C-alpha atoms as a PDB file:
ATOM      1  CA  UNK A   1      66.793 -37.538  15.201  1.00  0.00           C
ATOM      2  CA  UNK A   2      64.010 -35.182  17.095  1.00  0.00           C
ATOM      3  CA  UNK A   3      64.182 -33.287  13.875  1.00  0.00           C
ATOM      4  CA  UNK A   4      63.395 -36.955  12.153  1.00  0.00           C
ATOM      5  CA  UNK A   5      60.259 -37.461  14.604  1.00  0.00           C
ATOM      6  CA  UNK A   6      59.213 -34.076  14.868  1.00  0.00           C
ATOM      7  CA  UNK A   7      58.893 -34.164  11.247  1.00  0.00           C
ATOM      8  CA  UNK A   8      56.891 -37.851  11.403  1.00  0.00           C
ATOM      9  CA  UNK A   9      54.612 -36.708  14.235  1.00  0.00           C
ATOM     10  CA  UNK A  10      53.926 -33.932  11.928  1.00  0.00           C
ATOM     11  CA  UNK A  11      52.796 -36.159   9.007  1.00  0.00           C
ATOM     12  CA  UNK A  12      50.858 -38.414  10.958  1.00  0.00           C
ATOM     13  CA  UNK A  13      49.069 -35.457  12.583  1.00  0.00           C
ATOM     14  CA  UNK A  14      48.724 -33.885   8.490  1.00  0.00           C
ATOM     15  CA  UNK A  15      47.175 -37.505   7.526  1.00  0.00           C
ATOM     16  CA  UNK A  16      44.627 -37.801  10.690  1.00  0.00           C
ATOM     17  CA  UNK A  17      43.125 -34.202   9.675  1.00  0.00           C
ATOM     18  CA  UNK A  18      43.561 -34.181   6.493  1.00  0.00           C
ATOM     19  CA  UNK A  19      44.301 -37.505   4.734  1.00  0.00           C
ATOM     20  CA  UNK A  20      40.201 -37.855   3.667  1.00  0.00           C
ATOM     21  CA  UNK A  21      39.795 -34.439   3.666  1.00  0.00           C
ATOM     22  CA  UNK A  22      42.237 -32.473   0.867  1.00  0.00           C
ATOM     23  CA  UNK A  23      38.902 -29.552   0.462  1.00  0.00           C
ATOM     24  CA  UNK A  24      39.836 -28.855   4.426  1.00  0.00           C
ATOM     25  CA  UNK A  25      43.284 -28.868   4.455  1.00  0.00           C
ATOM     26  CA  UNK A  26      43.175 -26.235   1.128  1.00  0.00           C
ATOM     27  CA  UNK A  27      40.805 -23.922   2.838  1.00  0.00           C
ATOM     28  CA  UNK A  28      42.584 -24.587   5.978  1.00  0.00           C
ATOM     29  CA  UNK A  29      46.138 -23.833   4.722  1.00  0.00           C
ATOM     30  CA  UNK A  30      44.644 -20.523   2.279  1.00  0.00           C
ATOM     31  CA  UNK A  31      43.388 -18.767   5.654  1.00  0.00           C
ATOM     32  CA  UNK A  32      46.726 -19.097   7.136  1.00  0.00           C
ATOM     33  CA  UNK A  33      48.624 -17.686   3.762  1.00  0.00           C
ATOM     34  CA  UNK A  34      46.507 -15.022   4.480  1.00  0.00           C
ATOM     35  CA  UNK A  35      47.391 -14.753   8.494  1.00  0.00           C
ATOM     36  CA  UNK A  36      51.076 -14.856   7.378  1.00  0.00           C
ATOM     37  CA  UNK A  37      50.943 -12.409   5.125  1.00  0.00           C
ATOM     38  CA  UNK A  38      48.251  -9.979   6.991  1.00  0.00           C
ATOM     39  CA  UNK A  39      51.374 -10.339   9.918  1.00  0.00           C
ATOM     40  CA  UNK A  40      53.527  -8.968   7.222  1.00  0.00           C
ATOM     41  CA  UNK A  41      52.116  -6.202   6.017  1.00  0.00           C
ATOM     42  CA  UNK A  42      51.270  -4.726   9.778  1.00  0.00           C
ATOM     43  CA  UNK A  43      55.115  -5.229  10.479  1.00  0.00           C
ATOM     44  CA  UNK A  44      56.459  -3.993   7.421  1.00  0.00           C
ATOM     45  CA  UNK A  45      54.033  -0.569   9.276  1.00  0.00           C
ATOM     46  CA  UNK A  46      55.082  -1.041  12.518  1.00  0.00           C
ATOM     47  CA  UNK A  47      58.698  -1.463  11.593  1.00  0.00           C
ATOM     48  CA  UNK A  48      59.126   1.337   9.520  1.00  0.00           C
ATOM     49  CA  UNK A  49      60.621   4.656  10.332  1.00  0.00           C
ATOM     50  CA  UNK A  50      59.838   6.675   7.668  1.00  0.00           C
ATOM     51  CA  UNK A  51      56.689   6.325   8.901  1.00  0.00           C
ATOM     52  CA  UNK A  52      55.435   9.258  11.729  1.00  0.00           C
ATOM     53  CA  UNK A  53      54.053   7.783  14.632  1.00  0.00           C
ATOM     54  CA  UNK A  54      50.562   9.915  13.224  1.00  0.00           C
ATOM     55  CA  UNK A  55      50.124   7.759  10.023  1.00  0.00           C
ATOM     56  CA  UNK A  56      51.062   4.640  12.252  1.00  0.00           C
ATOM     57  CA  UNK A  57      48.265   5.536  14.648  1.00  0.00           C
ATOM     58  CA  UNK A  58      45.737   5.326  11.566  1.00  0.00           C
ATOM     59  CA  UNK A  59      47.899   2.678   9.189  1.00  0.00           C
ATOM     60  CA  UNK A  60      48.025   0.269  11.328  1.00  0.00           C
ATOM     61  CA  UNK A  61      44.645  -0.513  12.541  1.00  0.00           C
ATOM     62  CA  UNK A  62      43.593  -0.037   8.966  1.00  0.00           C
ATOM     63  CA  UNK A  63      45.480  -2.740   7.766  1.00  0.00           C
ATOM     64  CA  UNK A  64      44.752  -5.199  10.613  1.00  0.00           C
ATOM     65  CA  UNK A  65      40.892  -4.350   9.700  1.00  0.00           C
ATOM     66  CA  UNK A  66      41.522  -5.326   6.231  1.00  0.00           C
ATOM     67  CA  UNK A  67      42.818  -8.373   7.312  1.00  0.00           C
ATOM     68  CA  UNK A  68      40.274  -8.679   9.253  1.00  0.00           C
ATOM     69  CA  UNK A  69      38.168  -8.508   5.494  1.00  0.00           C
ATOM     70  CA  UNK A  70      40.759 -10.906   3.449  1.00  0.00           C
ATOM     71  CA  UNK A  71      40.840 -13.582   5.674  1.00  0.00           C
ATOM     72  CA  UNK A  72      36.767 -13.717   7.113  1.00  0.00           C
ATOM     73  CA  UNK A  73      36.407 -13.417   3.255  1.00  0.00           C
ATOM     74  CA  UNK A  74      38.328 -15.954   1.880  1.00  0.00           C
ATOM     75  CA  UNK A  75      37.538 -18.412   5.262  1.00  0.00           C
ATOM     76  CA  UNK A  76      33.637 -17.935   4.361  1.00  0.00           C
ATOM     77  CA  UNK A  77      33.369 -17.830   1.208  1.00  0.00           C
ATOM     78  CA  UNK A  78      35.758 -20.504   0.340  1.00  0.00           C
ATOM     79  CA  UNK A  79      34.120 -23.577   2.910  1.00  0.00           C
ATOM     80  CA  UNK A  80      30.748 -22.199   2.245  1.00  0.00           C
ATOM     81  CA  UNK A  81      31.385 -23.730  -0.992  1.00  0.00           C
ATOM     82  CA  UNK A  82      33.075 -27.087   0.361  1.00  0.00           C
ATOM     83  CA  UNK A  83      30.334 -28.107   2.331  1.00  0.00           C
ATOM     84  CA  UNK A  84      27.946 -27.170  -0.920  1.00  0.00           C
ATOM     85  CA  UNK A  85      30.055 -29.081  -3.241  1.00  0.00           C
ATOM     86  CA  UNK A  86      30.261 -31.674   0.381  1.00  0.00           C
ATOM     87  CA  UNK A  87      26.568 -31.884   0.442  1.00  0.00           C
ATOM     88  CA  UNK A  88      25.692 -32.936  -3.408  1.00  0.00           C
ATOM     89  CA  UNK A  89      27.847 -35.946  -3.241  1.00  0.00           C
ATOM     90  CA  UNK A  90      26.889 -37.331   0.213  1.00  0.00           C
ATOM     91  CA  UNK A  91      22.833 -36.742  -0.393  1.00  0.00           C
ATOM     92  CA  UNK A  92      23.819 -38.359  -4.029  1.00  0.00           C
ATOM     93  CA  UNK A  93      22.872 -35.526  -6.373  1.00  0.00           C
ATOM     94  CA  UNK A  94      26.395 -35.317  -7.544  1.00  0.00           C
ATOM     95  CA  UNK A  95      27.486 -39.007  -8.310  1.00  0.00           C
ATOM     96  CA  UNK A  96      29.307 -41.968 -10.813  1.00  0.00           C
ATOM     97  CA  UNK A  97      27.360 -43.618 -12.522  1.00  0.00           C
ATOM     98  CA  UNK A  98      28.793 -46.444  -9.762  1.00  0.00           C
ATOM     99  CA  UNK A  99      27.159 -44.785  -6.856  1.00  0.00           C
ATOM    100  CA  UNK A 100      24.118 -44.201  -8.659  1.00  0.00           C
ATOM    101  CA  UNK A 101      24.165 -48.507  -8.946  1.00  0.00           C
ATOM    102  CA  UNK A 102      24.715 -48.516  -5.505  1.00  0.00           C
ATOM    103  CA  UNK A 103      22.102 -46.468  -4.824  1.00  0.00           C
ATOM    104  CA  UNK A 104      19.571 -48.628  -6.751  1.00  0.00           C
ATOM    105  CA  UNK A 105      20.775 -51.611  -6.049  1.00  0.00           C
ATOM    106  CA  UNK A 106      20.476 -50.139  -2.565  1.00  0.00           C
ATOM    107  CA  UNK A 107      16.678 -49.445  -2.595  1.00  0.00           C
ATOM    108  CA  UNK A 108      17.707 -45.703  -1.954  1.00  0.00           C
ATOM    109  CA  UNK A 109      16.557 -43.706  -5.354  1.00  0.00           C
ATOM    110  CA  UNK A 110      14.022 -41.583  -3.689  1.00  0.00           C
ATOM    111  CA  UNK A 111      16.088 -40.453  -1.390  1.00  0.00           C
ATOM    112  CA  UNK A 112      18.678 -38.862  -3.845  1.00  0.00           C
ATOM    113  CA  UNK A 113      19.197 -35.159  -3.232  1.00  0.00           C
ATOM    114  CA  UNK A 114      17.344 -35.403  -0.180  1.00  0.00           C
ATOM    115  CA  UNK A 115      18.723 -32.633   2.110  1.00  0.00           C
ATOM    116  CA  UNK A 116      18.678 -35.829   5.360  1.00  0.00           C
ATOM    117  CA  UNK A 117      19.683 -38.724   3.492  1.00  0.00           C
ATOM    118  CA  UNK A 118      23.523 -39.262   3.538  1.00  0.00           C
ATOM    119  CA  UNK A 119      24.998 -42.324   2.159  1.00  0.00           C
ATOM    120  CA  UNK A 120      27.939 -42.857   4.426  1.00  0.00           C
ATOM    121  CA  UNK A 121      25.800 -43.242   7.022  1.00  0.00           C
ATOM    122  CA  UNK A 122      24.456 -46.331   5.559  1.00  0.00           C
ATOM    123  CA  UNK A 123      24.598 -49.655   6.348  1.00  0.00           C
ATOM    124  CA  UNK A 124      26.490 -51.109   3.543  1.00  0.00           C
ATOM    125  CA  UNK A 125      28.463 -48.007   2.542  1.00  0.00           C
ATOM    126  CA  UNK A 126      31.928 -50.331   2.521  1.00  0.00           C
ATOM    127  CA  UNK A 127      30.529 -51.349  -1.018  1.00  0.00           C
ATOM    128  CA  UNK A 128      30.936 -48.459  -2.384  1.00  0.00           C
ATOM    129  CA  UNK A 129      33.664 -46.664  -0.068  1.00  0.00           C
ATOM    130  CA  UNK A 130      36.506 -47.049  -2.520  1.00  0.00           C
ATOM    131  CA  UNK A 131      33.587 -45.837  -5.041  1.00  0.00           C
ATOM    132  CA  UNK A 132      32.929 -42.868  -3.276  1.00  0.00           C
ATOM    133  CA  UNK A 133      35.746 -41.336  -1.042  1.00  0.00           C
ATOM    134  CA  UNK A 134      38.028 -40.695  -4.436  1.00  0.00           C
ATOM    135  CA  UNK A 135      35.355 -38.858  -6.089  1.00  0.00           C
ATOM    136  CA  UNK A 136      33.913 -36.745  -2.768  1.00  0.00           C
ATOM    137  CA  UNK A 137      37.173 -35.286  -1.996  1.00  0.00           C
ATOM    138  CA  UNK A 138      38.028 -34.583  -5.828  1.00  0.00           C
ATOM    139  CA  UNK A 139      34.869 -32.583  -5.894  1.00  0.00           C
ATOM    140  CA  UNK A 140      35.344 -30.978  -2.663  1.00  0.00           C
ATOM    141  CA  UNK A 141      38.876 -30.108  -4.228  1.00  0.00           C
ATOM    142  CA  UNK A 142      37.276 -28.501  -7.271  1.00  0.00           C
ATOM    143  CA  UNK A 143      34.675 -26.480  -5.377  1.00  0.00           C
ATOM    144  CA  UNK A 144      37.785 -25.348  -2.882  1.00  0.00           C
ATOM    145  CA  UNK A 145      39.599 -23.271  -5.278  1.00  0.00           C
ATOM    146  CA  UNK A 146      35.948 -22.562  -7.246  1.00  0.00           C
ATOM    147  CA  UNK A 147      35.904 -20.629  -3.632  1.00  0.00           C
ATOM    148  CA  UNK A 148      39.207 -19.556  -2.897  1.00  0.00           C
ATOM    149  CA  UNK A 149      38.923 -18.272  -6.380  1.00  0.00           C
ATOM    150  CA  UNK A 150      36.531 -16.238  -6.749  1.00  0.00           C
ATOM    151  CA  UNK A 151      37.273 -15.078  -2.821  1.00  0.00           C
ATOM    152  CA  UNK A 152      40.759 -14.010  -3.940  1.00  0.00           C
ATOM    153  CA  UNK A 153      39.796 -12.059  -7.204  1.00  0.00           C
ATOM    154  CA  UNK A 154      35.909 -10.503  -7.768  1.00  0.00           C
ATOM    155  CA  UNK A 155      34.411 -10.815  -3.631  1.00  0.00           C
ATOM    156  CA  UNK A 156      37.448  -9.688  -1.517  1.00  0.00           C
ATOM    157  CA  UNK A 157      38.339  -6.781  -3.343  1.00  0.00           C
ATOM    158  CA  UNK A 158      34.967  -5.567  -4.075  1.00  0.00           C
ATOM    159  CA  UNK A 159      34.566  -5.626  -0.018  1.00  0.00           C
ATOM    160  CA  UNK A 160      37.572  -4.637   0.726  1.00  0.00           C
ATOM    161  CA  UNK A 161      37.583  -1.207  -1.232  1.00  0.00           C
ATOM    162  CA  UNK A 162      34.849   0.073  -0.318  1.00  0.00           C
ATOM    163  CA  UNK A 163      35.579  -0.914   3.420  1.00  0.00           C
ATOM    164  CA  UNK A 164      38.458   1.596   2.578  1.00  0.00           C
ATOM    165  CA  UNK A 165      36.164   4.028   0.597  1.00  0.00           C
ATOM    166  CA  UNK A 166      34.446   4.830   3.968  1.00  0.00           C
ATOM    167  CA  UNK A 167      36.881   4.447   6.328  1.00  0.00           C
ATOM    168  CA  UNK A 168      38.678   7.626   4.107  1.00  0.00           C
ATOM    169  CA  UNK A 169      35.237   9.492   4.330  1.00  0.00           C
ATOM    170  CA  UNK A 170      35.703   8.806   7.678  1.00  0.00           C
ATOM    171  CA  UNK A 171      39.400  10.093   8.272  1.00  0.00           C
ATOM    172  CA  UNK A 172      38.223  13.219   5.931  1.00  0.00           C
ATOM    173  CA  UNK A 173      35.415  14.264   7.352  1.00  0.00           C
ATOM    174  CA  UNK A 174      37.716  13.506  11.278  1.00  0.00           C
ATOM    175  CA  UNK A 175      40.405  16.306   9.522  1.00  0.00           C
ATOM    176  CA  UNK A 176      37.359  18.864   8.176  1.00  0.00           C
ATOM    177  CA  UNK A 177      35.966  18.754  12.042  1.00  0.00           C
ATOM    178  CA  UNK A 178      39.788  19.200  13.245  1.00  0.00           C
ATOM    179  CA  UNK A 179      40.060  22.215  10.724  1.00  0.00           C
ATOM    180  CA  UNK A 180      39.215  25.502  12.006  1.00  0.00           C
ATOM    181  CA  UNK A 181      36.859  27.395  10.116  1.00  0.00           C
ATOM    182  CA  UNK A 182      36.746  30.753   8.506  1.00  0.00           C
ATOM    183  CA  UNK A 183      34.031  32.920   9.765  1.00  0.00           C
ATOM    184  CA  UNK A 184      32.640  36.113   7.521  1.00  0.00           C
ATOM    185  CA  UNK A 185      31.935  39.375   9.823  1.00  0.00           C
ATOM    186  CA  UNK A 186      28.628  39.743  10.046  1.00  0.00           C
ATOM    187  CA  UNK A 187      26.528  41.796   7.385  1.00  0.00           C
ATOM    188  CA  UNK A 188      28.538  40.141   4.214  1.00  0.00           C
ATOM    189  CA  UNK A 189      28.854  36.821   2.579  1.00  0.00           C
ATOM    190  CA  UNK A 190      31.539  33.822   3.053  1.00  0.00           C
ATOM    191  CA  UNK A 191      32.066  34.705  -0.309  1.00  0.00           C
ATOM    192  CA  UNK A 192      32.406  38.821  -0.096  1.00  0.00           C
ATOM    193  CA  UNK A 193      34.992  38.681   3.136  1.00  0.00           C
ATOM    194  CA  UNK A 194      37.214  36.289   1.065  1.00  0.00           C
ATOM    195  CA  UNK A 195      37.339  38.525  -1.538  1.00  0.00           C
ATOM    196  CA  UNK A 196      38.713  41.136   0.171  1.00  0.00           C
ATOM    197  CA  UNK A 197      40.877  39.470   2.352  1.00  0.00           C
ATOM    198  CA  UNK A 198      42.660  38.342  -1.365  1.00  0.00           C
ATOM    199  CA  UNK A 199      42.743  42.088  -1.998  1.00  0.00           C
ATOM    200  CA  UNK A 200      43.700  43.259   0.190  1.00  0.00           C
ATOM    201  CA  UNK A 201      46.949  41.121   1.122  1.00  0.00           C
ATOM    202  CA  UNK A 202      47.682  40.963  -2.649  1.00  0.00           C
ATOM    203  CA  UNK A 203      47.326  44.940  -2.479  1.00  0.00           C
ATOM    204  CA  UNK A 204      50.324  44.973   0.410  1.00  0.00           C
ATOM    205  CA  UNK A 205      52.627  42.856  -1.536  1.00  0.00           C
ATOM    206  CA  UNK A 206      52.948  45.415  -4.477  1.00  0.00           C
ATOM    207  CA  UNK A 207      56.503  46.977  -4.312  1.00  0.00           C
END
């Protein structure tokens, strides 16, 4: 019985927060998916006994940073697409014939496209509400899907690859800094010193 009540409460919460905002639900569930995926990636590194502690000390921060790039990129791009599409609908820039006729009959045709104009704030909004809400929700969903596709398949991979390349260069630079450099004796170049060293050791190995 408690399980049924909990599920019912969960449905009520979902409806209250996302019932009229399916586009927002797509954005939030997408972010949740990225978070869970990132946790799995980090956990795979943490609990993998085949990876040495030295490698983990480098890989774990890299995985966390990579997750942050993925999540932030997805949220910013997808939510931006949704907000832009919502704004087009609420200002009447993107509309249907019934909504356009409603604005004309309300004497608001000259307000269409104005950034400060909002159809939902009109006193007689209830007249067009049943036409407006489904249209706006559909536009929000389409915009969210387009934003998520662009984020996941174009922007996020590019940003992630650039970040990974930058971190790789930094790691190589640190490795080179910790590696002792060969110094040539005074008076000869390093190339000559390397040739003499090679001749010396190759000669000592002859039988």
